Amino acid sequence: QVQLVESGGGLVQAGGSLRLSCAASGGTFRWYAVGWFRQAPGKEREFVAAISGSGGSRYNVDSANDRFTISRDNAKNTVYLQMNSLKPEDTAAYYCAAGMKFPGRIRTEYDYWGQGTQVTVSS
């Protein structure tokens, strides 16, 4: 059983940056791929980025390719999402999830989820 806790969200102006963290406990973290999803009010939860268990492979959605970077530090059991040049449309609750498939791009491909961290980008 893996527990995930997100942190690092907050209120930022458009054009600003945030780094989200996803801290894991309770399992062999390096076995799991990790993905970041986001969910805006009234919308479906959508995939943002994923990283393989070793950290050697990464996958971003096109809209985040040049602005968001996913990384991980297995020694710290933590995955990060560096978000730059934030836009108001990036406003959402951001969730991390762990699973065995890489790159998992849909919710059902992940077994464990965090509670989310809110990101609000003001214009």
N, C-alpha and C. Protein backbone atom coordinates (compact mmCIF):
# COMPACT_ATOMS: atom_id res chain seq x y z
N GLN A 1 0.85 -1.20 0.00
CA GLN A 1 0.00 0.00 0.00
C GLN A 1 0.88 1.24 0.00
N VAL A 2 0.63 2.11 -0.96
CA VAL A 2 1.42 3.34 -1.10
C VAL A 2 0.54 4.52 -0.71
N GLN A 3 1.08 5.39 0.10
CA GLN A 3 0.39 6.63 0.44
C GLN A 3 1.11 7.78 -0.24
N LEU A 4 0.32 8.70 -0.80
CA LEU A 4 0.86 9.84 -1.52
C LEU A 4 0.32 11.14 -0.92
N VAL A 5 1.19 12.10 -0.74
CA VAL A 5 0.79 13.40 -0.21
C VAL A 5 1.38 14.49 -1.10
N GLU A 6 0.50 15.31 -1.68
CA GLU A 6 0.93 16.42 -2.51
C GLU A 6 1.11 17.68 -1.66
N SER A 7 2.00 18.53 -2.13
CA SER A 7 2.19 19.83 -1.50
C SER A 7 2.75 20.79 -2.53
N GLY A 8 2.78 22.08 -2.18
CA GLY A 8 3.40 23.07 -3.05
C GLY A 8 2.43 23.93 -3.83
N GLY A 9 1.14 23.63 -3.73
CA GLY A 9 0.17 24.46 -4.43
C GLY A 9 0.03 25.81 -3.77
N GLY A 10 -0.72 26.69 -4.43
CA GLY A 10 -0.94 28.01 -3.87
C GLY A 10 -1.48 28.97 -4.91
N LEU A 11 -1.46 30.24 -4.56
CA LEU A 11 -1.94 31.31 -5.44
C LEU A 11 -0.73 31.99 -6.08
N VAL A 12 -0.74 32.10 -7.39
CA VAL A 12 0.37 32.72 -8.11
C VAL A 12 -0.19 33.56 -9.25
N GLN A 13 0.52 34.60 -9.60
CA GLN A 13 0.11 35.43 -10.73
C GLN A 13 0.48 34.76 -12.05
N ALA A 14 -0.26 35.09 -13.08
CA ALA A 14 0.05 34.58 -14.41
C ALA A 14 1.50 34.89 -14.77
N GLY A 15 2.16 33.90 -15.35
CA GLY A 15 3.57 34.03 -15.68
C GLY A 15 4.50 33.53 -14.60
N GLY A 16 3.95 33.25 -13.42
CA GLY A 16 4.75 32.79 -12.31
C GLY A 16 5.00 31.29 -12.36
N SER A 17 5.67 30.80 -11.31
CA SER A 17 6.07 29.40 -11.24
C SER A 17 5.68 28.80 -9.90
N LEU A 18 5.47 27.50 -9.91
CA LEU A 18 5.27 26.72 -8.69
C LEU A 18 5.94 25.37 -8.89
N ARG A 19 6.39 24.78 -7.79
CA ARG A 19 6.87 23.40 -7.84
C ARG A 19 6.03 22.56 -6.89
N LEU A 20 5.33 21.61 -7.45
CA LEU A 20 4.54 20.69 -6.66
C LEU A 20 5.39 19.49 -6.28
N SER A 21 5.12 18.95 -5.11
CA SER A 21 5.80 17.75 -4.63
C SER A 21 4.78 16.67 -4.34
N CYS A 22 5.19 15.44 -4.55
CA CYS A 22 4.37 14.28 -4.24
C CYS A 22 5.25 13.34 -3.43
N ALA A 23 5.00 13.27 -2.14
CA ALA A 23 5.80 12.45 -1.24
C ALA A 23 5.11 11.11 -1.03
N ALA A 24 5.87 10.04 -1.19
CA ALA A 24 5.32 8.69 -1.08
C ALA A 24 5.84 7.97 0.15
N SER A 25 5.02 7.08 0.66
CA SER A 25 5.43 6.21 1.78
C SER A 25 4.69 4.90 1.66
N GLY A 26 5.24 3.87 2.29
CA GLY A 26 4.52 2.62 2.41
C GLY A 26 4.76 1.61 1.31
N GLY A 27 5.65 1.88 0.39
CA GLY A 27 5.90 0.91 -0.67
C GLY A 27 7.29 1.08 -1.23
N THR A 28 7.64 0.25 -2.22
CA THR A 28 8.93 0.38 -2.90
C THR A 28 8.73 1.38 -4.03
N PHE A 29 9.03 2.60 -3.75
CA PHE A 29 8.65 3.71 -4.62
C PHE A 29 9.20 3.57 -6.03
N ARG A 30 10.41 3.08 -6.16
CA ARG A 30 11.02 3.04 -7.48
C ARG A 30 10.34 2.04 -8.42
N TRP A 31 9.50 1.18 -7.89
CA TRP A 31 8.76 0.24 -8.74
C TRP A 31 7.63 0.92 -9.49
N TYR A 32 7.22 2.10 -9.03
CA TYR A 32 6.01 2.72 -9.53
C TYR A 32 6.29 3.88 -10.47
N ALA A 33 5.57 3.89 -11.58
CA ALA A 33 5.47 5.11 -12.36
C ALA A 33 4.55 6.08 -11.61
N VAL A 34 4.77 7.34 -11.80
CA VAL A 34 3.95 8.37 -11.14
C VAL A 34 3.43 9.34 -12.19
N GLY A 35 2.19 9.68 -12.05
CA GLY A 35 1.59 10.65 -12.95
C GLY A 35 1.01 11.82 -12.18
N TRP A 36 0.94 12.93 -12.85
CA TRP A 36 0.23 14.11 -12.32
C TRP A 36 -1.03 14.32 -13.17
N PHE A 37 -2.13 14.57 -12.49
CA PHE A 37 -3.40 14.91 -13.12
C PHE A 37 -3.87 16.23 -12.52
N ARG A 38 -4.82 16.84 -13.19
CA ARG A 38 -5.43 18.04 -12.63
C ARG A 38 -6.92 18.04 -12.93
N GLN A 39 -7.65 18.72 -12.07
CA GLN A 39 -9.09 18.81 -12.24
C GLN A 39 -9.57 20.21 -11.89
N ALA A 40 -10.10 20.89 -12.89
CA ALA A 40 -10.67 22.21 -12.69
C ALA A 40 -12.14 22.05 -12.32
N PRO A 41 -12.73 23.05 -11.67
CA PRO A 41 -14.13 22.95 -11.28
C PRO A 41 -15.03 22.68 -12.47
N GLY A 42 -15.89 21.68 -12.33
CA GLY A 42 -16.83 21.36 -13.39
C GLY A 42 -16.25 20.60 -14.57
N LYS A 43 -14.99 20.21 -14.46
CA LYS A 43 -14.35 19.50 -15.57
C LYS A 43 -13.85 18.12 -15.12
N GLU A 44 -13.57 17.29 -16.11
CA GLU A 44 -13.01 15.97 -15.83
C GLU A 44 -11.56 16.09 -15.38
N ARG A 45 -11.13 15.11 -14.60
CA ARG A 45 -9.72 15.06 -14.22
C ARG A 45 -8.91 14.69 -15.45
N GLU A 46 -7.85 15.46 -15.74
CA GLU A 46 -7.08 15.25 -16.95
C GLU A 46 -5.61 14.98 -16.63
N PHE A 47 -5.02 14.18 -17.48
CA PHE A 47 -3.61 13.82 -17.34
C PHE A 47 -2.72 15.00 -17.73
N VAL A 48 -1.62 15.15 -16.97
CA VAL A 48 -0.67 16.23 -17.25
C VAL A 48 0.70 15.68 -17.64
N ALA A 49 1.23 14.80 -16.81
CA ALA A 49 2.59 14.30 -17.05
C ALA A 49 2.80 13.01 -16.28
N ALA A 50 3.79 12.23 -16.73
CA ALA A 50 4.14 10.98 -16.04
C ALA A 50 5.63 10.75 -16.11
N ILE A 51 6.11 9.97 -15.15
CA ILE A 51 7.53 9.63 -15.11
C ILE A 51 7.65 8.16 -14.73
N SER A 52 8.60 7.48 -15.33
CA SER A 52 8.80 6.06 -15.04
C SER A 52 9.41 5.87 -13.65
N GLY A 53 9.42 4.64 -13.20
CA GLY A 53 9.93 4.36 -11.87
C GLY A 53 11.38 4.75 -11.65
N SER A 54 12.19 4.57 -12.66
CA SER A 54 13.60 4.94 -12.55
C SER A 54 13.83 6.43 -12.76
N GLY A 55 12.84 7.08 -13.35
CA GLY A 55 13.00 8.50 -13.70
C GLY A 55 13.62 8.71 -15.07
N GLY A 56 13.94 7.62 -15.76
CA GLY A 56 14.62 7.74 -17.04
C GLY A 56 13.71 8.11 -18.20
N SER A 57 12.43 7.95 -18.03
CA SER A 57 11.48 8.29 -19.10
C SER A 57 10.41 9.22 -18.55
N ARG A 58 10.04 10.18 -19.38
CA ARG A 58 9.04 11.17 -18.99
C ARG A 58 8.08 11.37 -20.14
N TYR A 59 6.88 11.78 -19.80
CA TYR A 59 5.86 12.04 -20.82
C TYR A 59 5.01 13.19 -20.35
N ASN A 60 4.84 14.18 -21.24
CA ASN A 60 3.98 15.33 -20.95
C ASN A 60 2.89 15.42 -21.99
N VAL A 61 1.77 16.00 -21.62
CA VAL A 61 0.80 16.35 -22.64
C VAL A 61 1.35 17.54 -23.43
N ASP A 62 0.87 17.69 -24.65
CA ASP A 62 1.42 18.72 -25.53
C ASP A 62 1.30 20.12 -24.92
N SER A 63 0.19 20.39 -24.26
CA SER A 63 -0.04 21.74 -23.72
C SER A 63 0.93 22.08 -22.60
N ALA A 64 1.61 21.09 -22.05
CA ALA A 64 2.52 21.34 -20.92
C ALA A 64 3.97 21.12 -21.30
N ASN A 65 4.23 20.73 -22.53
CA ASN A 65 5.56 20.29 -22.92
C ASN A 65 6.67 21.30 -22.62
N ASP A 66 6.44 22.55 -22.91
CA ASP A 66 7.51 23.53 -22.73
C ASP A 66 7.35 24.33 -21.45
N ARG A 67 6.37 23.98 -20.62
CA ARG A 67 6.16 24.74 -19.38
C ARG A 67 6.27 23.89 -18.12
N PHE A 68 5.91 22.62 -18.21
CA PHE A 68 5.90 21.75 -17.03
C PHE A 68 7.00 20.69 -17.17
N THR A 69 7.68 20.43 -16.06
CA THR A 69 8.71 19.39 -16.04
C THR A 69 8.48 18.47 -14.86
N ILE A 70 8.37 17.19 -15.14
CA ILE A 70 8.23 16.20 -14.08
C ILE A 70 9.59 15.59 -13.79
N SER A 71 9.86 15.34 -12.52
CA SER A 71 11.12 14.72 -12.12
C SER A 71 10.88 13.93 -10.84
N ARG A 72 11.85 13.13 -10.46
CA ARG A 72 11.70 12.37 -9.22
C ARG A 72 13.05 12.16 -8.56
N ASP A 73 13.00 11.99 -7.25
CA ASP A 73 14.17 11.67 -6.44
C ASP A 73 13.79 10.44 -5.62
N ASN A 74 14.20 9.29 -6.09
CA ASN A 74 13.80 8.06 -5.41
C ASN A 74 14.44 7.92 -4.03
N ALA A 75 15.56 8.59 -3.82
CA ALA A 75 16.16 8.56 -2.49
C ALA A 75 15.28 9.27 -1.47
N LYS A 76 14.49 10.22 -1.96
CA LYS A 76 13.57 10.97 -1.09
C LYS A 76 12.12 10.52 -1.26
N ASN A 77 11.91 9.51 -2.09
CA ASN A 77 10.54 9.02 -2.35
C ASN A 77 9.61 10.16 -2.76
N THR A 78 10.09 11.03 -3.63
CA THR A 78 9.33 12.21 -4.00
C THR A 78 9.38 12.44 -5.51
N VAL A 79 8.25 12.83 -6.04
CA VAL A 79 8.13 13.26 -7.43
C VAL A 79 7.75 14.73 -7.44
N TYR A 80 8.29 15.45 -8.40
CA TYR A 80 8.06 16.89 -8.49
C TYR A 80 7.40 17.24 -9.82
N LEU A 81 6.66 18.33 -9.81
CA LEU A 81 6.15 18.92 -11.06
C LEU A 81 6.50 20.40 -11.01
N GLN A 82 7.50 20.77 -11.78
CA GLN A 82 7.88 22.17 -11.90
C GLN A 82 7.01 22.81 -12.97
N MET A 83 6.30 23.85 -12.60
CA MET A 83 5.38 24.52 -13.51
C MET A 83 5.82 25.96 -13.69
N ASN A 84 6.14 26.32 -14.91
CA ASN A 84 6.58 27.67 -15.24
C ASN A 84 5.59 28.34 -16.18
N SER A 85 5.69 29.64 -16.30
CA SER A 85 4.83 30.42 -17.20
C SER A 85 3.36 30.04 -17.01
N LEU A 86 2.94 30.03 -15.77
CA LEU A 86 1.58 29.59 -15.46
C LEU A 86 0.54 30.53 -16.05
N LYS A 87 -0.59 29.93 -16.44
CA LYS A 87 -1.70 30.66 -17.05
C LYS A 87 -2.94 30.47 -16.18
N PRO A 88 -3.89 31.38 -16.28
CA PRO A 88 -5.14 31.20 -15.50
C PRO A 88 -5.81 29.86 -15.79
N GLU A 89 -5.68 29.36 -17.01
CA GLU A 89 -6.32 28.08 -17.34
C GLU A 89 -5.62 26.88 -16.71
N ASP A 90 -4.48 27.11 -16.05
CA ASP A 90 -3.83 26.04 -15.29
C ASP A 90 -4.44 25.89 -13.89
N THR A 91 -5.35 26.79 -13.54
CA THR A 91 -6.00 26.71 -12.24
C THR A 91 -6.76 25.40 -12.09
N ALA A 92 -6.45 24.65 -11.04
CA ALA A 92 -7.05 23.33 -10.83
C ALA A 92 -6.52 22.74 -9.54
N ALA A 93 -7.15 21.67 -9.11
CA ALA A 93 -6.57 20.81 -8.09
C ALA A 93 -5.65 19.82 -8.80
N TYR A 94 -4.44 19.69 -8.30
CA TYR A 94 -3.46 18.81 -8.92
C TYR A 94 -3.26 17.57 -8.04
N TYR A 95 -3.30 16.42 -8.69
CA TYR A 95 -3.19 15.14 -8.00
C TYR A 95 -2.02 14.34 -8.54
N CYS A 96 -1.33 13.65 -7.65
CA CYS A 96 -0.36 12.67 -8.12
C CYS A 96 -0.92 11.27 -7.89
N ALA A 97 -0.43 10.35 -8.69
CA ALA A 97 -0.92 8.98 -8.63
C ALA A 97 0.22 8.03 -8.97
N ALA A 98 0.19 6.85 -8.40
CA ALA A 98 1.23 5.84 -8.64
C ALA A 98 0.62 4.58 -9.22
N GLY A 99 1.33 4.00 -10.18
CA GLY A 99 0.86 2.77 -10.80
C GLY A 99 2.00 2.04 -11.46
N MET A 100 1.69 0.90 -12.05
CA MET A 100 2.72 0.06 -12.64
C MET A 100 2.93 0.33 -14.11
N LYS A 101 2.03 1.09 -14.75
CA LYS A 101 2.13 1.29 -16.18
C LYS A 101 2.73 2.67 -16.48
N PHE A 102 3.63 2.70 -17.47
CA PHE A 102 4.15 3.96 -17.95
C PHE A 102 4.04 4.03 -19.45
N PRO A 103 3.59 5.16 -20.07
CA PRO A 103 3.00 6.27 -19.33
C PRO A 103 1.50 6.07 -19.17
N GLY A 104 1.05 5.98 -17.98
CA GLY A 104 -0.38 5.87 -17.77
C GLY A 104 -1.03 7.22 -18.01
N ARG A 105 -1.97 7.27 -18.91
CA ARG A 105 -2.61 8.54 -19.26
C ARG A 105 -4.07 8.62 -18.86
N ILE A 106 -4.59 7.55 -18.29
CA ILE A 106 -5.97 7.59 -17.81
C ILE A 106 -6.00 7.15 -16.35
N ARG A 107 -7.05 7.58 -15.67
CA ARG A 107 -7.12 7.39 -14.22
C ARG A 107 -7.07 5.93 -13.82
N THR A 108 -7.67 5.08 -14.59
CA THR A 108 -7.77 3.68 -14.19
C THR A 108 -6.44 2.94 -14.27
N GLU A 109 -5.43 3.58 -14.84
CA GLU A 109 -4.11 2.94 -14.93
C GLU A 109 -3.28 3.18 -13.67
N TYR A 110 -3.85 3.88 -12.70
CA TYR A 110 -3.15 4.16 -11.46
C TYR A 110 -3.87 3.52 -10.29
N ASP A 111 -3.06 3.04 -9.33
CA ASP A 111 -3.61 2.31 -8.19
C ASP A 111 -3.74 3.16 -6.94
N TYR A 112 -2.90 4.16 -6.82
CA TYR A 112 -2.86 4.96 -5.59
C TYR A 112 -2.91 6.44 -5.95
N TRP A 113 -3.64 7.19 -5.13
CA TRP A 113 -3.84 8.61 -5.38
C TRP A 113 -3.61 9.42 -4.12
N GLY A 114 -3.11 10.64 -4.31
CA GLY A 114 -3.05 11.59 -3.23
C GLY A 114 -4.34 12.37 -3.12
N GLN A 115 -4.40 13.28 -2.15
CA GLN A 115 -5.62 14.06 -1.89
C GLN A 115 -5.67 15.33 -2.72
N GLY A 116 -4.58 15.71 -3.32
CA GLY A 116 -4.57 16.88 -4.19
C GLY A 116 -4.05 18.13 -3.52
N THR A 117 -3.57 19.05 -4.34
CA THR A 117 -3.14 20.36 -3.89
C THR A 117 -3.67 21.39 -4.88
N GLN A 118 -4.18 22.49 -4.36
CA GLN A 118 -4.85 23.48 -5.21
C GLN A 118 -3.84 24.46 -5.79
N VAL A 119 -3.95 24.69 -7.07
CA VAL A 119 -3.16 25.71 -7.76
C VAL A 119 -4.13 26.73 -8.34
N THR A 120 -3.94 27.99 -7.99
CA THR A 120 -4.77 29.06 -8.50
C THR A 120 -3.88 30.11 -9.15
N VAL A 121 -4.16 30.39 -10.41
CA VAL A 121 -3.36 31.35 -11.16
C VAL A 121 -4.24 32.56 -11.47
N SER A 122 -3.84 33.70 -10.97
CA SER A 122 -4.62 34.92 -11.19
C SER A 122 -4.12 35.65 -12.42
N SER A 123 -5.04 36.34 -13.08
CA SER A 123 -4.67 37.06 -14.31
C SER A 123 -4.25 38.49 -14.02
